[in-house]
Protein backbone atom coordinates (compact mmCIF):
# COMPACT_ATOMS: atom_id res chain seq x y z
CA MET A 1 0.28 -0.14 -0.12
CA THR A 2 1.10 3.45 -0.81
CA TYR A 3 0.83 6.20 1.67
CA ALA A 4 -2.47 8.36 0.37
CA PRO A 5 -2.82 11.24 2.72
CA ASP A 6 -6.25 12.81 2.16
CA PRO A 7 -6.79 15.91 4.84
CA ARG A 8 -10.37 16.80 3.61
CA LEU A 9 -11.96 18.25 6.43
CA LEU A 10 -9.31 21.24 6.98
CA HIS A 11 -10.29 22.34 3.52
CA SER A 12 -13.90 21.50 3.75
CA GLY A 13 -14.97 25.21 4.61
CA LEU A 14 -17.17 23.71 7.24
CA ASP A 15 -16.89 25.06 10.91
CA LEU A 16 -16.63 21.87 12.59
CA PHE A 17 -13.05 22.24 14.37
CA ASP A 18 -10.85 24.27 16.35
CA LYS A 19 -6.86 24.22 15.59
CA VAL A 20 -5.14 23.14 18.43
CA LYS A 21 -1.64 22.67 19.91
CA ALA A 22 -0.64 19.38 20.82
CA ALA A 23 0.85 18.93 24.46
CA ASP A 24 4.77 18.91 24.92
CA PHE A 25 5.24 15.58 26.97
CA PRO A 26 8.49 14.93 28.81
CA GLN A 27 9.33 11.84 27.28
CA THR A 28 7.95 9.68 24.57
CA THR A 29 8.25 6.14 25.29
CA LEU A 30 6.75 3.75 22.57
CA ARG A 31 4.65 1.08 24.22
CA TYR A 32 2.75 -0.46 21.34
CA ARG A 33 2.48 0.03 17.48
CA ASN A 34 -0.04 -1.70 15.12
CA ASP A 35 2.08 -2.53 12.33
CA ARG A 36 -0.70 -4.61 10.77
CA ALA A 37 -2.81 -1.19 10.83
CA ALA A 38 0.35 0.65 9.24
CA ILE A 39 0.44 -1.66 6.45
CA THR A 40 -3.09 -0.64 5.46
CA VAL A 41 -2.20 3.18 5.06
CA GLY A 42 1.45 2.88 3.72
CA LEU A 43 3.13 3.61 7.11
CA GLU A 44 4.94 0.46 7.67
CA GLY A 45 8.34 1.74 6.49
CA LEU A 46 8.44 4.36 9.64
CA ASN A 47 11.38 3.05 12.03
CA ASP A 48 10.62 3.90 15.70
CA ALA A 49 12.08 7.30 15.66
CA ALA A 50 9.73 8.60 13.01
CA TRP A 51 6.97 7.04 14.60
CA ILE A 52 7.45 8.50 17.78
CA SER A 53 8.09 11.87 16.22
CA HIS A 54 4.89 11.61 14.27
CA PHE A 55 2.39 10.03 16.63
CA GLY A 56 4.13 11.24 20.01
CA ARG A 57 5.46 14.70 19.30
CA PHE A 58 2.90 15.27 16.55
CA THR A 59 5.15 16.17 13.85
CA PRO A 60 2.52 16.27 10.83
CA LEU A 61 2.81 13.57 8.22
CA PRO A 62 4.02 14.71 4.62
CA TYR A 63 1.19 16.27 2.66
CA ASN A 64 -1.25 15.92 5.52
CA GLN A 65 -2.72 18.24 8.09
CA PRO A 66 -0.27 21.07 9.27
CA GLU A 67 -1.61 20.99 12.75
CA PRO A 68 -4.25 19.03 15.00
CA LEU A 69 -7.92 19.80 15.01
CA ALA A 70 -10.51 19.20 17.94
CA LEU A 71 -13.70 18.14 16.43
CA ARG A 72 -17.06 20.26 17.57
CA TYR A 73 -20.22 18.18 17.80
CA HIS A 74 -23.50 17.95 19.50
CA GLY A 75 -25.67 15.18 21.00
CA HIS A 76 -27.17 13.83 24.03
CA GLN A 77 -24.96 14.21 27.31
CA PHE A 78 -26.28 13.58 30.69
CA ARG A 79 -30.02 12.95 29.36
CA HIS A 80 -30.01 16.40 27.74
CA TYR A 81 -29.44 17.52 24.34
CA ASN A 82 -26.10 19.51 24.17
CA PRO A 83 -25.12 21.44 21.17
CA ASP A 84 -21.63 22.48 22.28
CA LEU A 85 -19.69 19.17 22.52
CA GLY A 86 -16.39 18.46 21.29
CA ASP A 87 -13.12 16.69 21.47
CA GLY A 88 -11.73 17.37 25.19
CA ARG A 89 -8.46 15.24 25.54
CA GLY A 90 -7.99 14.45 21.62
CA PHE A 91 -7.66 15.55 18.27
CA LEU A 92 -7.89 14.83 14.32
CA PHE A 93 -4.01 14.36 13.51
CA ALA A 94 -4.46 13.18 10.00
CA GLN A 95 -6.52 11.67 7.28
CA MET A 96 -5.71 9.16 4.66
CA ARG A 97 -6.97 6.52 2.49
CA ASP A 98 -6.27 2.92 3.26
CA ASP A 99 -5.69 -0.23 1.06
CA GLN A 100 -9.47 -0.42 0.44
CA GLY A 101 -9.92 3.19 -0.44
CA ARG A 102 -11.47 4.25 2.80
CA LEU A 103 -11.07 7.73 4.21
CA LEU A 104 -9.56 7.24 7.68
CA ASP A 105 -9.13 9.77 10.51
CA LEU A 106 -5.96 9.54 12.85
CA GLY A 107 -7.02 10.59 16.13
CA THR A 108 -5.45 10.98 19.56
CA LYS A 109 -6.58 10.56 23.03
CA GLY A 110 -4.74 11.84 25.73
CA SER A 111 -2.80 14.33 23.68
CA GLY A 112 -3.49 17.78 25.62
CA ARG A 113 -6.24 20.26 26.51
CA THR A 114 -8.35 21.36 23.90
CA PRO A 115 -11.06 24.40 24.00
CA TRP A 116 -13.47 21.53 24.68
CA SER A 117 -11.85 20.19 27.95
CA ARG A 118 -13.96 21.97 30.58
CA GLY A 119 -11.43 22.13 33.20
CA GLY A 120 -9.80 18.63 32.38
CA ASP A 121 -6.18 18.13 31.85
CA GLY A 122 -6.66 16.61 28.47
CA ARG A 123 -4.48 13.50 29.37
CA LEU A 124 -5.15 9.80 29.40
CA THR A 125 -3.73 7.34 31.73
CA LEU A 126 -1.49 4.60 30.77
CA LYS A 127 -4.04 2.09 32.21
CA GLY A 128 -6.57 3.68 30.22
CA GLY A 129 -4.74 3.46 26.69
CA VAL A 130 -3.83 -0.33 27.33
CA ARG A 131 -7.60 -0.91 27.97
CA GLU A 132 -8.39 1.05 24.57
CA VAL A 133 -5.66 -1.39 22.72
CA LEU A 134 -7.08 -4.23 24.06
CA ALA A 135 -10.73 -3.44 23.47
CA THR A 136 -9.89 -2.47 19.75
CA ALA A 137 -8.09 -5.40 19.26
CA TYR A 138 -10.98 -7.59 20.68
CA LEU A 139 -13.42 -6.15 18.65
CA GLU A 140 -11.10 -6.44 15.39
CA ALA A 141 -10.45 -10.30 16.29
CA LEU A 142 -14.48 -10.40 16.03
CA GLY A 143 -14.94 -9.10 12.94
CA VAL A 144 -16.66 -5.73 14.50
CA PRO A 145 -16.21 -3.10 11.97
CA THR A 146 -14.71 -0.09 14.49
CA SER A 147 -11.79 2.04 15.28
CA ARG A 148 -8.17 0.31 15.62
CA SER A 149 -5.92 1.40 18.36
CA PHE A 150 -2.70 2.71 16.10
CA SER A 151 0.07 3.49 18.72
CA LEU A 152 0.45 3.94 22.43
CA ILE A 153 3.08 6.19 23.69
CA GLU A 154 3.96 6.48 27.41
CA THR A 155 4.54 10.28 28.18
CA GLY A 156 6.48 10.05 31.56
CA GLU A 157 3.76 12.26 33.12
CA ALA A 158 2.46 11.37 36.53
CA LEU A 159 -1.37 10.94 36.38
CA ASN A 160 -4.01 9.88 38.61
CA SER A 161 -6.02 6.98 37.41
CA ARG A 162 -9.64 6.31 38.51
CA ARG A 163 -10.40 2.69 39.53
């Protein structure tokens, strides 16, 4: 598969996002990389240093979005309709085509505060990240068409996790 960037949202003219700055983490230790998913989007050739640069330091991928975008949306929250929801601890990092021609979004979790963080720190514990990796791998193994975990990077920050 050849890497096929397709950053549509940024150039859509739609008011569906806010440009954000990713957190600058004290360290970036690669804990998981989904090489099978990387093959489907043409990123299997990245060595670990390049992987960490893109997915831990958020250096833009070539010909893709120059900066992260926190998505805006609306829906029901706490049994009430809320017209002002958005990504509070993650953002859209890149958009590309996979080996099936599908448009994929590379999103993040725990990558810093956004305008939608509502007082939170915008982070995700390593324990929470491991849960995400396990859950998405399990769903993929069951044949459920859902999101996949692409990478997990430990940042060296001390965070409190809830039980």
